[in-house]
């Protein structure tokens, strides 16, 4: 008798697990409201024009605006300026900007 009850409980649990997730609805959601999937938007393109990294001063030109560490402009906050990159927060998202690589120029003889 005991084994039969355990077997019945396992069958009920298997049936509950097999239910599709869409069949379950949020009881607190107002009727007629459909949930929409949040689409990931690609990060916007930001241009790092140049970096000035000296002993007394660090400046990064982003989108044509000169910014120092801690300054903000248009949803961009400069966290740290290095010689070869700039760490920023872009609307709360951590990003690292690199300057555009310059083309290699060879000497002619």
Foldseek 3Di string as FASTA:
>chain_A
DVVVVVVVVVVVVVVVVPDDPVVDDDPVDDPPDDDDDDDDDDDDDKAFAAWDDDPVATWIQIPNDIDGAQDDDPQKHWHDGDRAWTWIQRVNRTDIDGHDDDDDDDDDD
